Amino acid sequence: MSLAEHLIELRKRLTRGAIGVLVGTIVGWMIYDLGWFGELLDPVVPGAHDALAGTGTWAAISGPVFHIADELGLDPDKITLNFSSLTGALDIQFQVSLVVGIILSSPIWLYQIFAFFVPGLT
C-alpha cells in the first residue's frame, strides 16, 4: 500500500471510531437524567466543605450568599450552592456524557485501532 492508501485507511478508521464515540455520547446524554445515574456523579462534583476552606473564586461566589444568610438569621451550614460557576451543571453533564460515550463505544474504537494495525503485523 502506498502512503496515500494508508492515510485513507487511517481516516476511515478514525471517522468510524469518532462516530461510535459520538453515538455513545448521545446515549450518555439521554440517560444522564435517570435517577440512579446521579449517584455516579458524586466523585465528579467535589464537596463544598473542602472548597470553602480556601479562598478564590468559590469564596467570592459563596461569600455574598452566606452574608445574606447571616442577615436573615439562617444557618449557614444549611445554605449550599449547587455549582461553583454559571455553566457548571452543563459542563458536568457534557463531561459525564463524554465519558459514558467513550466507555460505551470502546468496543468500536478498539476494534478500529486493531483493524488498522493488524494488516501491518502480518
N, C-alpha and C. Protein backbone atom coordinates (compact mmCIF):
# COMPACT_ATOMS: atom_id res chain seq x y z
N MET A 1 0.84 -1.18 0.00
CA MET A 1 0.00 0.00 0.00
C MET A 1 0.88 1.25 0.00
N SER A 2 0.44 2.23 -0.71
CA SER A 2 1.18 3.49 -0.75
C SER A 2 0.83 4.33 0.49
N LEU A 3 1.55 5.40 0.68
CA LEU A 3 1.29 6.27 1.83
C LEU A 3 -0.12 6.86 1.76
N ALA A 4 -0.56 7.23 0.57
CA ALA A 4 -1.90 7.80 0.42
C ALA A 4 -2.97 6.78 0.81
N GLU A 5 -2.78 5.52 0.43
CA GLU A 5 -3.76 4.49 0.80
C GLU A 5 -3.78 4.27 2.32
N HIS A 6 -2.62 4.33 2.95
CA HIS A 6 -2.56 4.19 4.41
C HIS A 6 -3.28 5.36 5.09
N LEU A 7 -3.09 6.55 4.57
CA LEU A 7 -3.76 7.71 5.16
C LEU A 7 -5.27 7.66 4.95
N ILE A 8 -5.70 7.16 3.80
CA ILE A 8 -7.14 7.00 3.56
C ILE A 8 -7.72 5.97 4.53
N GLU A 9 -6.99 4.86 4.73
CA GLU A 9 -7.45 3.84 5.68
C GLU A 9 -7.50 4.40 7.10
N LEU A 10 -6.49 5.18 7.48
CA LEU A 10 -6.48 5.79 8.81
C LEU A 10 -7.65 6.74 8.97
N ARG A 11 -7.93 7.54 7.96
CA ARG A 11 -9.06 8.47 8.03
C ARG A 11 -10.37 7.72 8.18
N LYS A 12 -10.52 6.61 7.45
CA LYS A 12 -11.74 5.80 7.54
C LYS A 12 -11.90 5.23 8.95
N ARG A 13 -10.83 4.72 9.52
CA ARG A 13 -10.89 4.12 10.86
C ARG A 13 -11.15 5.19 11.93
N LEU A 14 -10.50 6.34 11.81
CA LEU A 14 -10.73 7.42 12.77
C LEU A 14 -12.16 7.94 12.70
N THR A 15 -12.69 8.03 11.49
CA THR A 15 -14.07 8.51 11.33
C THR A 15 -15.05 7.54 11.97
N ARG A 16 -14.86 6.25 11.74
CA ARG A 16 -15.76 5.26 12.34
C ARG A 16 -15.66 5.28 13.86
N GLY A 17 -14.46 5.40 14.39
CA GLY A 17 -14.31 5.47 15.84
C GLY A 17 -14.95 6.72 16.42
N ALA A 18 -14.79 7.86 15.74
CA ALA A 18 -15.39 9.11 16.22
C ALA A 18 -16.91 9.05 16.17
N ILE A 19 -17.45 8.42 15.14
CA ILE A 19 -18.91 8.27 15.07
C ILE A 19 -19.40 7.40 16.21
N GLY A 20 -18.66 6.34 16.52
CA GLY A 20 -19.02 5.49 17.65
C GLY A 20 -19.02 6.25 18.97
N VAL A 21 -18.00 7.07 19.19
CA VAL A 21 -17.94 7.87 20.42
C VAL A 21 -19.08 8.89 20.44
N LEU A 22 -19.40 9.49 19.31
CA LEU A 22 -20.49 10.46 19.24
C LEU A 22 -21.83 9.80 19.58
N VAL A 23 -22.07 8.62 19.02
CA VAL A 23 -23.32 7.92 19.33
C VAL A 23 -23.37 7.54 20.81
N GLY A 24 -22.26 7.07 21.35
CA GLY A 24 -22.21 6.74 22.77
C GLY A 24 -22.43 7.96 23.65
N THR A 25 -21.89 9.11 23.23
CA THR A 25 -22.09 10.34 23.99
C THR A 25 -23.55 10.78 23.96
N ILE A 26 -24.20 10.61 22.84
CA ILE A 26 -25.62 10.95 22.76
C ILE A 26 -26.43 10.05 23.68
N VAL A 27 -26.09 8.77 23.72
CA VAL A 27 -26.77 7.84 24.63
C VAL A 27 -26.49 8.26 26.08
N GLY A 28 -25.25 8.63 26.38
CA GLY A 28 -24.92 9.11 27.72
C GLY A 28 -25.69 10.36 28.10
N TRP A 29 -25.89 11.25 27.14
CA TRP A 29 -26.66 12.47 27.38
C TRP A 29 -28.11 12.13 27.71
N MET A 30 -28.67 11.12 27.01
CA MET A 30 -30.07 10.76 27.23
C MET A 30 -30.28 10.07 28.58
N ILE A 31 -29.31 9.27 29.03
CA ILE A 31 -29.51 8.57 30.30
C ILE A 31 -29.01 9.38 31.49
N TYR A 32 -28.53 10.58 31.25
CA TYR A 32 -28.00 11.41 32.34
C TYR A 32 -29.05 11.72 33.39
N ASP A 33 -30.28 11.92 32.99
CA ASP A 33 -31.33 12.33 33.91
C ASP A 33 -31.99 11.18 34.66
N LEU A 34 -31.54 9.96 34.44
CA LEU A 34 -32.09 8.84 35.18
C LEU A 34 -31.68 8.95 36.65
N GLY A 35 -32.51 8.48 37.54
CA GLY A 35 -32.27 8.65 38.96
C GLY A 35 -30.99 8.02 39.46
N TRP A 36 -30.71 6.79 39.08
CA TRP A 36 -29.52 6.10 39.58
C TRP A 36 -28.25 6.69 39.00
N PHE A 37 -28.35 7.39 37.90
CA PHE A 37 -27.16 7.94 37.25
C PHE A 37 -26.57 9.09 38.07
N GLY A 38 -27.40 9.75 38.87
CA GLY A 38 -26.91 10.83 39.71
C GLY A 38 -25.91 10.36 40.76
N GLU A 39 -26.03 9.10 41.18
CA GLU A 39 -25.08 8.57 42.16
C GLU A 39 -23.68 8.45 41.58
N LEU A 40 -23.58 8.31 40.28
CA LEU A 40 -22.27 8.22 39.64
C LEU A 40 -21.57 9.57 39.62
N LEU A 41 -22.32 10.65 39.83
CA LEU A 41 -21.73 11.99 39.80
C LEU A 41 -21.03 12.37 41.09
N ASP A 42 -21.26 11.64 42.17
CA ASP A 42 -20.68 12.02 43.45
C ASP A 42 -19.16 12.19 43.41
N PRO A 43 -18.40 11.31 42.74
CA PRO A 43 -16.95 11.56 42.67
C PRO A 43 -16.59 12.75 41.77
N VAL A 44 -17.46 13.12 40.84
CA VAL A 44 -17.15 14.19 39.90
C VAL A 44 -17.31 15.56 40.56
N VAL A 45 -18.36 15.72 41.35
CA VAL A 45 -18.64 17.00 41.98
C VAL A 45 -17.94 17.04 43.34
N PRO A 46 -16.95 17.92 43.53
CA PRO A 46 -16.24 17.95 44.81
C PRO A 46 -17.14 18.48 45.92
N GLY A 47 -16.84 18.06 47.14
CA GLY A 47 -17.61 18.52 48.29
C GLY A 47 -17.42 20.00 48.53
N ALA A 48 -18.49 20.69 48.84
CA ALA A 48 -18.40 22.14 49.04
C ALA A 48 -17.61 22.48 50.30
N HIS A 49 -17.64 21.60 51.29
CA HIS A 49 -16.92 21.92 52.53
C HIS A 49 -15.42 21.98 52.30
N ASP A 50 -14.88 21.19 51.37
CA ASP A 50 -13.45 21.27 51.06
C ASP A 50 -13.12 22.57 50.33
N ALA A 51 -13.99 22.97 49.44
CA ALA A 51 -13.74 24.18 48.65
C ALA A 51 -13.87 25.44 49.49
N LEU A 52 -14.74 25.41 50.49
CA LEU A 52 -14.95 26.61 51.31
C LEU A 52 -13.77 26.90 52.23
N ALA A 53 -12.91 25.92 52.45
CA ALA A 53 -11.76 26.13 53.33
C ALA A 53 -10.76 27.11 52.72
N GLY A 54 -10.70 27.19 51.39
CA GLY A 54 -9.75 28.07 50.72
C GLY A 54 -10.37 29.39 50.33
N THR A 55 -9.59 30.15 49.59
CA THR A 55 -10.08 31.42 49.05
C THR A 55 -10.06 31.33 47.54
N GLY A 56 -10.57 32.35 46.90
CA GLY A 56 -10.57 32.37 45.44
C GLY A 56 -11.96 32.51 44.90
N THR A 57 -12.20 31.89 43.77
CA THR A 57 -13.47 32.03 43.07
C THR A 57 -14.63 31.52 43.90
N TRP A 58 -14.45 30.35 44.51
CA TRP A 58 -15.55 29.78 45.30
C TRP A 58 -15.93 30.71 46.45
N ALA A 59 -14.94 31.25 47.13
CA ALA A 59 -15.22 32.16 48.24
C ALA A 59 -15.89 33.44 47.74
N ALA A 60 -15.48 33.92 46.57
CA ALA A 60 -16.08 35.13 46.01
C ALA A 60 -17.53 34.90 45.63
N ILE A 61 -17.84 33.70 45.17
CA ILE A 61 -19.22 33.40 44.77
C ILE A 61 -20.09 33.12 45.99
N SER A 62 -19.57 32.35 46.93
CA SER A 62 -20.39 31.93 48.06
C SER A 62 -20.44 32.97 49.19
N GLY A 63 -19.47 33.89 49.23
CA GLY A 63 -19.44 34.89 50.30
C GLY A 63 -20.72 35.70 50.42
N PRO A 64 -21.21 36.30 49.33
CA PRO A 64 -22.46 37.07 49.44
C PRO A 64 -23.66 36.22 49.86
N VAL A 65 -23.68 34.96 49.45
CA VAL A 65 -24.80 34.09 49.83
C VAL A 65 -24.79 33.87 51.34
N PHE A 66 -23.62 33.61 51.90
CA PHE A 66 -23.53 33.40 53.34
C PHE A 66 -23.79 34.69 54.11
N HIS A 67 -23.42 35.82 53.55
CA HIS A 67 -23.69 37.11 54.19
C HIS A 67 -25.20 37.34 54.28
N ILE A 68 -25.91 37.06 53.21
CA ILE A 68 -27.38 37.20 53.21
C ILE A 68 -28.00 36.23 54.20
N ALA A 69 -27.46 35.01 54.27
CA ALA A 69 -27.98 34.03 55.22
C ALA A 69 -27.80 34.51 56.65
N ASP A 70 -26.66 35.13 56.95
CA ASP A 70 -26.43 35.68 58.29
C ASP A 70 -27.41 36.81 58.60
N GLU A 71 -27.67 37.67 57.63
CA GLU A 71 -28.60 38.78 57.84
C GLU A 71 -30.02 38.28 58.10
N LEU A 72 -30.40 37.19 57.43
CA LEU A 72 -31.75 36.65 57.60
C LEU A 72 -31.85 35.72 58.81
N GLY A 73 -30.74 35.45 59.46
CA GLY A 73 -30.76 34.57 60.63
C GLY A 73 -30.83 33.10 60.28
N LEU A 74 -30.43 32.74 59.08
CA LEU A 74 -30.44 31.34 58.67
C LEU A 74 -29.13 30.66 59.04
N ASP A 75 -29.19 29.36 59.16
CA ASP A 75 -27.99 28.58 59.48
C ASP A 75 -27.11 28.48 58.23
N PRO A 76 -25.88 29.00 58.26
CA PRO A 76 -25.02 28.96 57.06
C PRO A 76 -24.67 27.55 56.61
N ASP A 77 -24.72 26.58 57.54
CA ASP A 77 -24.41 25.20 57.15
C ASP A 77 -25.50 24.59 56.27
N LYS A 78 -26.70 25.14 56.34
CA LYS A 78 -27.80 24.62 55.53
C LYS A 78 -27.92 25.33 54.19
N ILE A 79 -27.12 26.39 53.98
CA ILE A 79 -27.13 27.12 52.71
C ILE A 79 -26.04 26.53 51.82
N THR A 80 -26.42 26.08 50.65
CA THR A 80 -25.44 25.49 49.74
C THR A 80 -25.60 26.06 48.34
N LEU A 81 -24.51 26.06 47.62
CA LEU A 81 -24.53 26.37 46.20
C LEU A 81 -24.35 25.06 45.45
N ASN A 82 -25.18 24.84 44.47
CA ASN A 82 -25.09 23.58 43.75
C ASN A 82 -23.87 23.52 42.85
N PHE A 83 -23.53 24.61 42.19
CA PHE A 83 -22.41 24.63 41.26
C PHE A 83 -21.63 25.92 41.45
N SER A 84 -20.34 25.84 41.24
CA SER A 84 -19.48 26.99 41.51
C SER A 84 -19.35 27.93 40.31
N SER A 85 -19.97 27.62 39.19
CA SER A 85 -19.92 28.52 38.04
C SER A 85 -21.28 28.53 37.36
N LEU A 86 -21.45 29.46 36.46
CA LEU A 86 -22.73 29.62 35.79
C LEU A 86 -23.08 28.40 34.94
N THR A 87 -22.10 27.86 34.26
CA THR A 87 -22.34 26.71 33.38
C THR A 87 -21.87 25.41 34.00
N GLY A 88 -21.75 25.37 35.31
CA GLY A 88 -21.23 24.18 35.98
C GLY A 88 -22.07 22.94 35.74
N ALA A 89 -23.38 23.07 35.80
CA ALA A 89 -24.25 21.91 35.60
C ALA A 89 -24.13 21.37 34.18
N LEU A 90 -24.09 22.27 33.22
CA LEU A 90 -23.97 21.84 31.82
C LEU A 90 -22.60 21.24 31.55
N ASP A 91 -21.55 21.81 32.14
CA ASP A 91 -20.21 21.26 31.97
C ASP A 91 -20.12 19.84 32.51
N ILE A 92 -20.69 19.62 33.67
CA ILE A 92 -20.65 18.28 34.26
C ILE A 92 -21.44 17.31 33.40
N GLN A 93 -22.59 17.74 32.88
CA GLN A 93 -23.37 16.85 32.03
C GLN A 93 -22.60 16.50 30.75
N PHE A 94 -21.91 17.48 30.15
CA PHE A 94 -21.09 17.19 28.98
C PHE A 94 -19.97 16.21 29.31
N GLN A 95 -19.28 16.44 30.42
CA GLN A 95 -18.16 15.58 30.79
C GLN A 95 -18.61 14.16 31.06
N VAL A 96 -19.68 14.01 31.83
CA VAL A 96 -20.17 12.67 32.15
C VAL A 96 -20.67 11.98 30.89
N SER A 97 -21.37 12.69 30.03
CA SER A 97 -21.85 12.09 28.78
C SER A 97 -20.71 11.65 27.89
N LEU A 98 -19.64 12.44 27.83
CA LEU A 98 -18.49 12.07 27.02
C LEU A 98 -17.80 10.83 27.57
N VAL A 99 -17.63 10.76 28.88
CA VAL A 99 -17.00 9.58 29.48
C VAL A 99 -17.87 8.34 29.24
N VAL A 100 -19.18 8.47 29.41
CA VAL A 100 -20.07 7.35 29.13
C VAL A 100 -19.99 6.96 27.66
N GLY A 101 -19.91 7.95 26.78
CA GLY A 101 -19.78 7.66 25.35
C GLY A 101 -18.50 6.93 25.01
N ILE A 102 -17.41 7.32 25.64
CA ILE A 102 -16.13 6.63 25.39
C ILE A 102 -16.19 5.20 25.90
N ILE A 103 -16.80 5.01 27.07
CA ILE A 103 -16.89 3.66 27.63
C ILE A 103 -17.83 2.79 26.79
N LEU A 104 -19.00 3.32 26.44
CA LEU A 104 -19.96 2.53 25.66
C LEU A 104 -19.44 2.18 24.27
N SER A 105 -18.68 3.09 23.68
CA SER A 105 -18.20 2.85 22.32
C SER A 105 -16.81 2.23 22.29
N SER A 106 -16.29 1.83 23.43
CA SER A 106 -14.93 1.27 23.45
C SER A 106 -14.77 0.03 22.58
N PRO A 107 -15.75 -0.86 22.46
CA PRO A 107 -15.54 -1.97 21.53
C PRO A 107 -15.37 -1.50 20.08
N ILE A 108 -16.06 -0.44 19.71
CA ILE A 108 -15.98 0.05 18.33
C ILE A 108 -14.61 0.66 18.06
N TRP A 109 -14.17 1.60 18.90
CA TRP A 109 -12.91 2.27 18.60
C TRP A 109 -11.71 1.38 18.87
N LEU A 110 -11.84 0.43 19.81
CA LEU A 110 -10.74 -0.53 20.00
C LEU A 110 -10.61 -1.45 18.79
N TYR A 111 -11.75 -1.86 18.22
CA TYR A 111 -11.69 -2.68 17.01
C TYR A 111 -11.09 -1.88 15.85
N GLN A 112 -11.42 -0.61 15.74
CA GLN A 112 -10.88 0.20 14.65
C GLN A 112 -9.36 0.34 14.78
N ILE A 113 -8.87 0.49 15.99
CA ILE A 113 -7.41 0.53 16.20
C ILE A 113 -6.80 -0.81 15.82
N PHE A 114 -7.42 -1.88 16.28
CA PHE A 114 -6.93 -3.23 15.98
C PHE A 114 -6.94 -3.49 14.48
N ALA A 115 -8.04 -3.13 13.81
CA ALA A 115 -8.17 -3.39 12.38
C ALA A 115 -7.19 -2.55 11.56
N PHE A 116 -6.75 -1.42 12.07
CA PHE A 116 -5.77 -0.61 11.35
C PHE A 116 -4.37 -1.19 11.46
N PHE A 117 -4.02 -1.70 12.63
CA PHE A 117 -2.65 -2.17 12.85
C PHE A 117 -2.41 -3.62 12.44
N VAL A 118 -3.42 -4.48 12.46
CA VAL A 118 -3.22 -5.90 12.18
C VAL A 118 -2.67 -6.17 10.78
N PRO A 119 -3.14 -5.51 9.73
CA PRO A 119 -2.55 -5.80 8.41
C PRO A 119 -1.05 -5.52 8.35
N GLY A 120 -0.57 -4.57 9.12
CA GLY A 120 0.86 -4.28 9.13
C GLY A 120 1.66 -5.28 9.94
N LEU A 121 1.00 -6.05 10.79
CA LEU A 121 1.69 -7.02 11.62
C LEU A 121 1.82 -8.39 10.96
N THR A 122 1.11 -8.61 9.88
CA THR A 122 1.18 -9.93 9.21
C THR A 122 2.20 -9.95 8.11
